[in-house]
């Protein structure tokens, strides 16, 4: 099943609880929290306390994407905050295996994020240890960007790796996802479509989600 995850980076920050409710009623499958520290990327966004505060508004999975220069230093903030998955960026890790073990020890799923310019050459040896590979379609920091060229080919290459017998990870794409390219992303091999601007700035979010699902309804990967 293809999942649609709502990226709250594009939501109305003054009405986050209402935005979570609106997105769930519209038909999303999970929520994506971009946590930014102003160092790894030139922007600030969510903190672990946002997960804690917003959990009362939804039982859907919460995915925390640590776009931080020091992910290992903040992992202790997550116990009890009900993050279902923590995604860390490859180029922030000094000891990937240790970081993954620390996340798993909290009974939280592990995600690994790659920026558009990062290949699988070094990171692929850790793919047996992750639950999700997040391919960023844009350089992290700001929503509303157009997807970088070459993403379909990169997704297809990741799909080949994910389908190997000793692998168990799903593939997500975040950045530049919209109704017009969702079907091609699914055909290339994506399991999770992480969508922000195209959802929260749409006049009718439920209609937008229906149109996205209809666009790949005939795909064998739907």
C-alpha atoms as a PDB file:
ATOM      1  CA  UNK A   1       0.000   0.000   0.000  1.00  0.00           C
ATOM      2  CA  UNK A   2       1.221   3.491  -0.878  1.00  0.00           C
ATOM      3  CA  UNK A   3       1.161   5.824   2.115  1.00  0.00           C
ATOM      4  CA  UNK A   4       0.550   9.555   2.031  1.00  0.00           C
ATOM      5  CA  UNK A   5       2.303  11.367   4.870  1.00  0.00           C
ATOM      6  CA  UNK A   6       1.462  14.973   5.703  1.00  0.00           C
ATOM      7  CA  UNK A   7       4.509  17.179   6.227  1.00  0.00           C
ATOM      8  CA  UNK A   8       3.550  19.652   8.932  1.00  0.00           C
ATOM      9  CA  UNK A   9       6.308  22.043   7.867  1.00  0.00           C
ATOM     10  CA  UNK A  10       3.726  23.490   5.473  1.00  0.00           C
ATOM     11  CA  UNK A  11       0.886  23.660   8.008  1.00  0.00           C
ATOM     12  CA  UNK A  12      -0.468  26.760   9.725  1.00  0.00           C
ATOM     13  CA  UNK A  13       1.682  26.933  12.871  1.00  0.00           C
ATOM     14  CA  UNK A  14      -0.956  28.953  14.695  1.00  0.00           C
ATOM     15  CA  UNK A  15      -3.466  26.123  14.265  1.00  0.00           C
ATOM     16  CA  UNK A  16      -1.358  22.954  14.373  1.00  0.00           C
ATOM     17  CA  UNK A  17      -3.873  20.881  16.304  1.00  0.00           C
ATOM     18  CA  UNK A  18      -6.627  21.793  13.867  1.00  0.00           C
ATOM     19  CA  UNK A  19      -4.303  21.138  10.933  1.00  0.00           C
ATOM     20  CA  UNK A  20      -3.566  17.630  12.220  1.00  0.00           C
ATOM     21  CA  UNK A  21      -7.274  16.927  12.559  1.00  0.00           C
ATOM     22  CA  UNK A  22      -7.968  18.355   9.091  1.00  0.00           C
ATOM     23  CA  UNK A  23      -5.273  16.226   7.471  1.00  0.00           C
ATOM     24  CA  UNK A  24      -6.395  13.038   9.196  1.00  0.00           C
ATOM     25  CA  UNK A  25     -10.010  13.607   8.166  1.00  0.00           C
ATOM     26  CA  UNK A  26      -8.825  14.261   4.608  1.00  0.00           C
ATOM     27  CA  UNK A  27      -7.225  10.817   4.477  1.00  0.00           C
ATOM     28  CA  UNK A  28      -3.494  10.984   5.234  1.00  0.00           C
ATOM     29  CA  UNK A  29      -1.768   7.921   6.692  1.00  0.00           C
ATOM     30  CA  UNK A  30       0.876   9.539   8.920  1.00  0.00           C
ATOM     31  CA  UNK A  31       2.482  12.835   9.924  1.00  0.00           C
ATOM     32  CA  UNK A  32       6.012  13.990   9.150  1.00  0.00           C
ATOM     33  CA  UNK A  33       7.801  16.392  11.506  1.00  0.00           C
ATOM     34  CA  UNK A  34      10.869  18.208  10.151  1.00  0.00           C
ATOM     35  CA  UNK A  35      13.025  19.137  13.134  1.00  0.00           C
ATOM     36  CA  UNK A  36      15.478  21.887  12.191  1.00  0.00           C
ATOM     37  CA  UNK A  37      18.093  23.557  14.383  1.00  0.00           C
ATOM     38  CA  UNK A  38      19.298  26.513  12.335  1.00  0.00           C
ATOM     39  CA  UNK A  39      22.729  24.861  11.949  1.00  0.00           C
ATOM     40  CA  UNK A  40      22.372  21.819   9.713  1.00  0.00           C
ATOM     41  CA  UNK A  41      19.862  23.818   7.667  1.00  0.00           C
ATOM     42  CA  UNK A  42      19.270  27.602   7.761  1.00  0.00           C
ATOM     43  CA  UNK A  43      15.823  27.299   9.271  1.00  0.00           C
ATOM     44  CA  UNK A  44      14.072  26.373  12.525  1.00  0.00           C
ATOM     45  CA  UNK A  45      11.173  23.968  12.855  1.00  0.00           C
ATOM     46  CA  UNK A  46       9.674  21.398  15.215  1.00  0.00           C
ATOM     47  CA  UNK A  47      10.938  20.066  18.542  1.00  0.00           C
ATOM     48  CA  UNK A  48      10.156  16.822  20.401  1.00  0.00           C
ATOM     49  CA  UNK A  49       7.619  18.735  22.479  1.00  0.00           C
ATOM     50  CA  UNK A  50       5.522  19.306  19.371  1.00  0.00           C
ATOM     51  CA  UNK A  51       5.068  15.548  19.040  1.00  0.00           C
ATOM     52  CA  UNK A  52       4.041  15.349  22.671  1.00  0.00           C
ATOM     53  CA  UNK A  53       1.561  18.206  22.333  1.00  0.00           C
ATOM     54  CA  UNK A  54       0.049  17.042  19.047  1.00  0.00           C
ATOM     55  CA  UNK A  55      -0.267  13.377  19.957  1.00  0.00           C
ATOM     56  CA  UNK A  56      -3.596  14.168  21.618  1.00  0.00           C
ATOM     57  CA  UNK A  57      -4.978  15.147  18.193  1.00  0.00           C
ATOM     58  CA  UNK A  58      -4.224  11.928  16.298  1.00  0.00           C
ATOM     59  CA  UNK A  59      -3.352   8.257  16.710  1.00  0.00           C
ATOM     60  CA  UNK A  60      -1.703   8.081  13.283  1.00  0.00           C
ATOM     61  CA  UNK A  61       2.067   7.390  13.112  1.00  0.00           C
ATOM     62  CA  UNK A  62       4.382  10.324  13.825  1.00  0.00           C
ATOM     63  CA  UNK A  63       7.692  10.378  11.939  1.00  0.00           C
ATOM     64  CA  UNK A  64      10.396  12.710  13.280  1.00  0.00           C
ATOM     65  CA  UNK A  65      12.969  13.794  10.703  1.00  0.00           C
ATOM     66  CA  UNK A  66      16.069  15.111  12.490  1.00  0.00           C
ATOM     67  CA  UNK A  67      17.564  17.755  10.220  1.00  0.00           C
ATOM     68  CA  UNK A  68      20.024  18.597  12.980  1.00  0.00           C
ATOM     69  CA  UNK A  69      23.783  18.812  13.214  1.00  0.00           C
ATOM     70  CA  UNK A  70      23.828  16.749  16.442  1.00  0.00           C
ATOM     71  CA  UNK A  71      21.128  14.035  16.227  1.00  0.00           C
ATOM     72  CA  UNK A  72      22.773  11.799  18.818  1.00  0.00           C
ATOM     73  CA  UNK A  73      22.573  14.571  21.406  1.00  0.00           C
ATOM     74  CA  UNK A  74      18.800  14.931  21.099  1.00  0.00           C
ATOM     75  CA  UNK A  75      17.728  11.284  20.899  1.00  0.00           C
ATOM     76  CA  UNK A  76      17.307  11.189  24.679  1.00  0.00           C
ATOM     77  CA  UNK A  77      14.444  13.667  24.277  1.00  0.00           C
ATOM     78  CA  UNK A  78      12.195  11.128  22.547  1.00  0.00           C
ATOM     79  CA  UNK A  79      11.352   8.431  25.129  1.00  0.00           C
ATOM     80  CA  UNK A  80       7.702   8.719  26.017  1.00  0.00           C
ATOM     81  CA  UNK A  81       6.932  11.223  23.265  1.00  0.00           C
ATOM     82  CA  UNK A  82       5.457   8.548  21.005  1.00  0.00           C
ATOM     83  CA  UNK A  83       7.542   9.050  17.890  1.00  0.00           C
ATOM     84  CA  UNK A  84       6.863   5.966  15.766  1.00  0.00           C
ATOM     85  CA  UNK A  85       9.913   6.543  13.586  1.00  0.00           C
ATOM     86  CA  UNK A  86      13.025   8.719  13.808  1.00  0.00           C
ATOM     87  CA  UNK A  87      14.791   9.610  10.571  1.00  0.00           C
ATOM     88  CA  UNK A  88      18.394  10.797  10.714  1.00  0.00           C
ATOM     89  CA  UNK A  89      20.408  12.366   7.908  1.00  0.00           C
ATOM     90  CA  UNK A  90      23.329  10.294   6.629  1.00  0.00           C
ATOM     91  CA  UNK A  91      25.820  13.173   6.612  1.00  0.00           C
ATOM     92  CA  UNK A  92      25.188  13.952  10.298  1.00  0.00           C
ATOM     93  CA  UNK A  93      26.181  10.508  11.587  1.00  0.00           C
ATOM     94  CA  UNK A  94      29.578   9.698  13.061  1.00  0.00           C
ATOM     95  CA  UNK A  95      28.690   6.107  13.986  1.00  0.00           C
ATOM     96  CA  UNK A  96      25.538   5.038  12.097  1.00  0.00           C
ATOM     97  CA  UNK A  97      25.265   1.599  13.726  1.00  0.00           C
ATOM     98  CA  UNK A  98      25.406   3.106  17.213  1.00  0.00           C
ATOM     99  CA  UNK A  99      22.779   5.725  16.354  1.00  0.00           C
ATOM    100  CA  UNK A 100      20.453   3.116  14.846  1.00  0.00           C
ATOM    101  CA  UNK A 101      20.841   0.877  17.900  1.00  0.00           C
ATOM    102  CA  UNK A 102      20.016   3.780  20.168  1.00  0.00           C
ATOM    103  CA  UNK A 103      16.805   4.470  18.261  1.00  0.00           C
ATOM    104  CA  UNK A 104      15.830   0.790  18.192  1.00  0.00           C
ATOM    105  CA  UNK A 105      16.434   0.504  21.944  1.00  0.00           C
ATOM    106  CA  UNK A 106      13.552   2.940  22.421  1.00  0.00           C
ATOM    107  CA  UNK A 107      11.256   0.675  20.379  1.00  0.00           C
ATOM    108  CA  UNK A 108      11.179   3.261  17.598  1.00  0.00           C
ATOM    109  CA  UNK A 109      11.632   2.514  13.893  1.00  0.00           C
ATOM    110  CA  UNK A 110      14.755   3.766  12.114  1.00  0.00           C
ATOM    111  CA  UNK A 111      14.806   5.950   9.030  1.00  0.00           C
ATOM    112  CA  UNK A 112      17.816   7.177   7.063  1.00  0.00           C
ATOM    113  CA  UNK A 113      17.664  10.355   4.981  1.00  0.00           C
ATOM    114  CA  UNK A 114      19.777  11.166   1.933  1.00  0.00           C
ATOM    115  CA  UNK A 115      20.026  14.611   0.348  1.00  0.00           C
ATOM    116  CA  UNK A 116      19.757  14.948  -3.441  1.00  0.00           C
ATOM    117  CA  UNK A 117      23.540  14.998  -3.955  1.00  0.00           C
ATOM    118  CA  UNK A 118      24.201  11.883  -1.839  1.00  0.00           C
ATOM    119  CA  UNK A 119      24.628   8.478  -3.462  1.00  0.00           C
ATOM    120  CA  UNK A 120      24.253   4.979  -2.027  1.00  0.00           C
ATOM    121  CA  UNK A 121      27.974   4.215  -2.232  1.00  0.00           C
ATOM    122  CA  UNK A 122      28.706   4.538   1.485  1.00  0.00           C
ATOM    123  CA  UNK A 123      25.279   4.264   3.084  1.00  0.00           C
ATOM    124  CA  UNK A 124      24.042   1.080   1.362  1.00  0.00           C
ATOM    125  CA  UNK A 125      25.971  -1.178   3.742  1.00  0.00           C
ATOM    126  CA  UNK A 126      23.656   0.016   6.523  1.00  0.00           C
ATOM    127  CA  UNK A 127      20.407  -0.578   4.643  1.00  0.00           C
ATOM    128  CA  UNK A 128      19.882  -3.892   6.442  1.00  0.00           C
ATOM    129  CA  UNK A 129      19.512  -1.929   9.673  1.00  0.00           C
ATOM    130  CA  UNK A 130      16.823   0.569   8.661  1.00  0.00           C
ATOM    131  CA  UNK A 131      13.055   0.543   8.299  1.00  0.00           C
ATOM    132  CA  UNK A 132      12.821   3.449   5.859  1.00  0.00           C
ATOM    133  CA  UNK A 133      15.080   5.123   3.320  1.00  0.00           C
ATOM    134  CA  UNK A 134      14.032   8.747   2.868  1.00  0.00           C
ATOM    135  CA  UNK A 135      15.178  10.285  -0.403  1.00  0.00           C
ATOM    136  CA  UNK A 136      14.986  14.062  -0.299  1.00  0.00           C
ATOM    137  CA  UNK A 137      13.763  15.513  -3.556  1.00  0.00           C
ATOM    138  CA  UNK A 138      15.031  18.957  -2.532  1.00  0.00           C
ATOM    139  CA  UNK A 139      17.845  20.270  -0.388  1.00  0.00           C
ATOM    140  CA  UNK A 140      16.578  20.379   3.207  1.00  0.00           C
ATOM    141  CA  UNK A 141      15.565  23.553   4.953  1.00  0.00           C
ATOM    142  CA  UNK A 142      12.504  25.004   3.280  1.00  0.00           C
ATOM    143  CA  UNK A 143       9.218  23.722   1.893  1.00  0.00           C
ATOM    144  CA  UNK A 144       7.695  24.560  -1.457  1.00  0.00           C
ATOM    145  CA  UNK A 145      10.782  23.822  -3.558  1.00  0.00           C
ATOM    146  CA  UNK A 146      10.651  22.093  -6.954  1.00  0.00           C
ATOM    147  CA  UNK A 147      11.964  18.537  -7.035  1.00  0.00           C
ATOM    148  CA  UNK A 148      15.546  18.108  -8.189  1.00  0.00           C
ATOM    149  CA  UNK A 149      16.240  16.371 -11.495  1.00  0.00           C
ATOM    150  CA  UNK A 150      17.174  12.690 -11.516  1.00  0.00           C
ATOM    151  CA  UNK A 151      14.928  11.601  -8.638  1.00  0.00           C
ATOM    152  CA  UNK A 152      13.037   8.949 -10.603  1.00  0.00           C
ATOM    153  CA  UNK A 153      16.285   7.205 -11.498  1.00  0.00           C
ATOM    154  CA  UNK A 154      17.513   7.408  -7.908  1.00  0.00           C
ATOM    155  CA  UNK A 155      14.243   5.974  -6.601  1.00  0.00           C
ATOM    156  CA  UNK A 156      14.400   3.122  -9.116  1.00  0.00           C
ATOM    157  CA  UNK A 157      17.938   2.278  -7.980  1.00  0.00           C
ATOM    158  CA  UNK A 158      16.817   2.322  -4.354  1.00  0.00           C
ATOM    159  CA  UNK A 159      13.908   0.013  -5.232  1.00  0.00           C
ATOM    160  CA  UNK A 160      16.326  -2.575  -6.592  1.00  0.00           C
ATOM    161  CA  UNK A 161      18.218  -2.487  -3.295  1.00  0.00           C
ATOM    162  CA  UNK A 162      15.047  -2.616  -1.190  1.00  0.00           C
ATOM    163  CA  UNK A 163      13.762  -5.675  -3.049  1.00  0.00           C
ATOM    164  CA  UNK A 164      16.805  -7.790  -2.217  1.00  0.00           C
ATOM    165  CA  UNK A 165      15.939 -10.759   0.053  1.00  0.00           C
ATOM    166  CA  UNK A 166      17.960  -9.502   3.026  1.00  0.00           C
ATOM    167  CA  UNK A 167      16.409  -6.028   3.072  1.00  0.00           C
ATOM    168  CA  UNK A 168      13.220  -4.842   4.793  1.00  0.00           C
ATOM    169  CA  UNK A 169      13.091  -1.083   4.305  1.00  0.00           C
ATOM    170  CA  UNK A 170      10.459   1.051   2.636  1.00  0.00           C
ATOM    171  CA  UNK A 171      11.242   4.016   0.394  1.00  0.00           C
ATOM    172  CA  UNK A 172       9.938   7.528   0.993  1.00  0.00           C
ATOM    173  CA  UNK A 173      10.359  10.722  -0.986  1.00  0.00           C
ATOM    174  CA  UNK A 174      10.030  14.205   0.486  1.00  0.00           C
ATOM    175  CA  UNK A 175      10.275  17.530  -1.311  1.00  0.00           C
ATOM    176  CA  UNK A 176       8.468  18.620  -4.446  1.00  0.00           C
ATOM    177  CA  UNK A 177       5.852  15.849  -4.252  1.00  0.00           C
ATOM    178  CA  UNK A 178       2.533  16.905  -5.780  1.00  0.00           C
ATOM    179  CA  UNK A 179      -0.473  15.434  -7.610  1.00  0.00           C
ATOM    180  CA  UNK A 180       1.230  15.849 -10.976  1.00  0.00           C
ATOM    181  CA  UNK A 181       4.233  13.645 -10.193  1.00  0.00           C
ATOM    182  CA  UNK A 182       2.863  11.203  -7.606  1.00  0.00           C
ATOM    183  CA  UNK A 183       2.093   8.439 -10.118  1.00  0.00           C
ATOM    184  CA  UNK A 184       5.576   8.525 -11.649  1.00  0.00           C
ATOM    185  CA  UNK A 185       7.167   8.423  -8.188  1.00  0.00           C
ATOM    186  CA  UNK A 186       5.087   5.392  -7.258  1.00  0.00           C
ATOM    187  CA  UNK A 187       5.948   3.654 -10.513  1.00  0.00           C
ATOM    188  CA  UNK A 188       9.640   4.285  -9.827  1.00  0.00           C
ATOM    189  CA  UNK A 189       9.350   2.519  -6.481  1.00  0.00           C
ATOM    190  CA  UNK A 190       8.179   4.859  -3.713  1.00  0.00           C
ATOM    191  CA  UNK A 191       6.161   3.511  -0.777  1.00  0.00           C
ATOM    192  CA  UNK A 192       5.662   6.806   1.107  1.00  0.00           C
ATOM    193  CA  UNK A 193       4.766  10.121  -0.500  1.00  0.00           C
ATOM    194  CA  UNK A 194       5.581  12.900   1.971  1.00  0.00           C
ATOM    195  CA  UNK A 195       3.590  15.962   0.957  1.00  0.00           C
ATOM    196  CA  UNK A 196       3.460  19.397   2.542  1.00  0.00           C
ATOM    197  CA  UNK A 197       2.672  22.441   0.438  1.00  0.00           C
ATOM    198  CA  UNK A 198       0.450  20.588  -2.062  1.00  0.00           C
ATOM    199  CA  UNK A 199      -1.753  19.440   0.821  1.00  0.00           C
ATOM    200  CA  UNK A 200      -1.899  22.294   3.287  1.00  0.00           C
ATOM    201  CA  UNK A 201      -2.205  25.008   0.657  1.00  0.00           C
ATOM    202  CA  UNK A 202      -4.898  23.182  -1.289  1.00  0.00           C
ATOM    203  CA  UNK A 203      -8.435  24.506  -1.133  1.00  0.00           C
ATOM    204  CA  UNK A 204      -9.842  21.015  -0.578  1.00  0.00           C
ATOM    205  CA  UNK A 205      -7.289  18.670   1.012  1.00  0.00           C
ATOM    206  CA  UNK A 206      -9.521  15.605   0.777  1.00  0.00           C
ATOM    207  CA  UNK A 207     -10.024  16.195  -2.941  1.00  0.00           C
ATOM    208  CA  UNK A 208      -6.274  16.612  -3.414  1.00  0.00           C
ATOM    209  CA  UNK A 209      -5.582  13.321  -1.638  1.00  0.00           C
ATOM    210  CA  UNK A 210      -8.243  11.543  -3.705  1.00  0.00           C
ATOM    211  CA  UNK A 211      -6.714  12.863  -6.923  1.00  0.00           C
ATOM    212  CA  UNK A 212      -3.269  11.654  -5.826  1.00  0.00           C
ATOM    213  CA  UNK A 213      -4.560   8.177  -5.003  1.00  0.00           C
ATOM    214  CA  UNK A 214      -6.526   8.023  -8.254  1.00  0.00           C
ATOM    215  CA  UNK A 215      -3.401   8.928 -10.227  1.00  0.00           C
ATOM    216  CA  UNK A 216      -1.714   5.649  -9.275  1.00  0.00           C
ATOM    217  CA  UNK A 217      -4.845   3.530  -8.703  1.00  0.00           C
ATOM    218  CA  UNK A 218      -4.050   1.312 -11.712  1.00  0.00           C
ATOM    219  CA  UNK A 219      -0.440   0.806 -10.744  1.00  0.00           C
ATOM    220  CA  UNK A 220       0.503  -2.700  -9.534  1.00  0.00           C
ATOM    221  CA  UNK A 221       2.242  -0.923  -6.626  1.00  0.00           C
ATOM    222  CA  UNK A 222      -0.860   0.934  -5.414  1.00  0.00           C
END
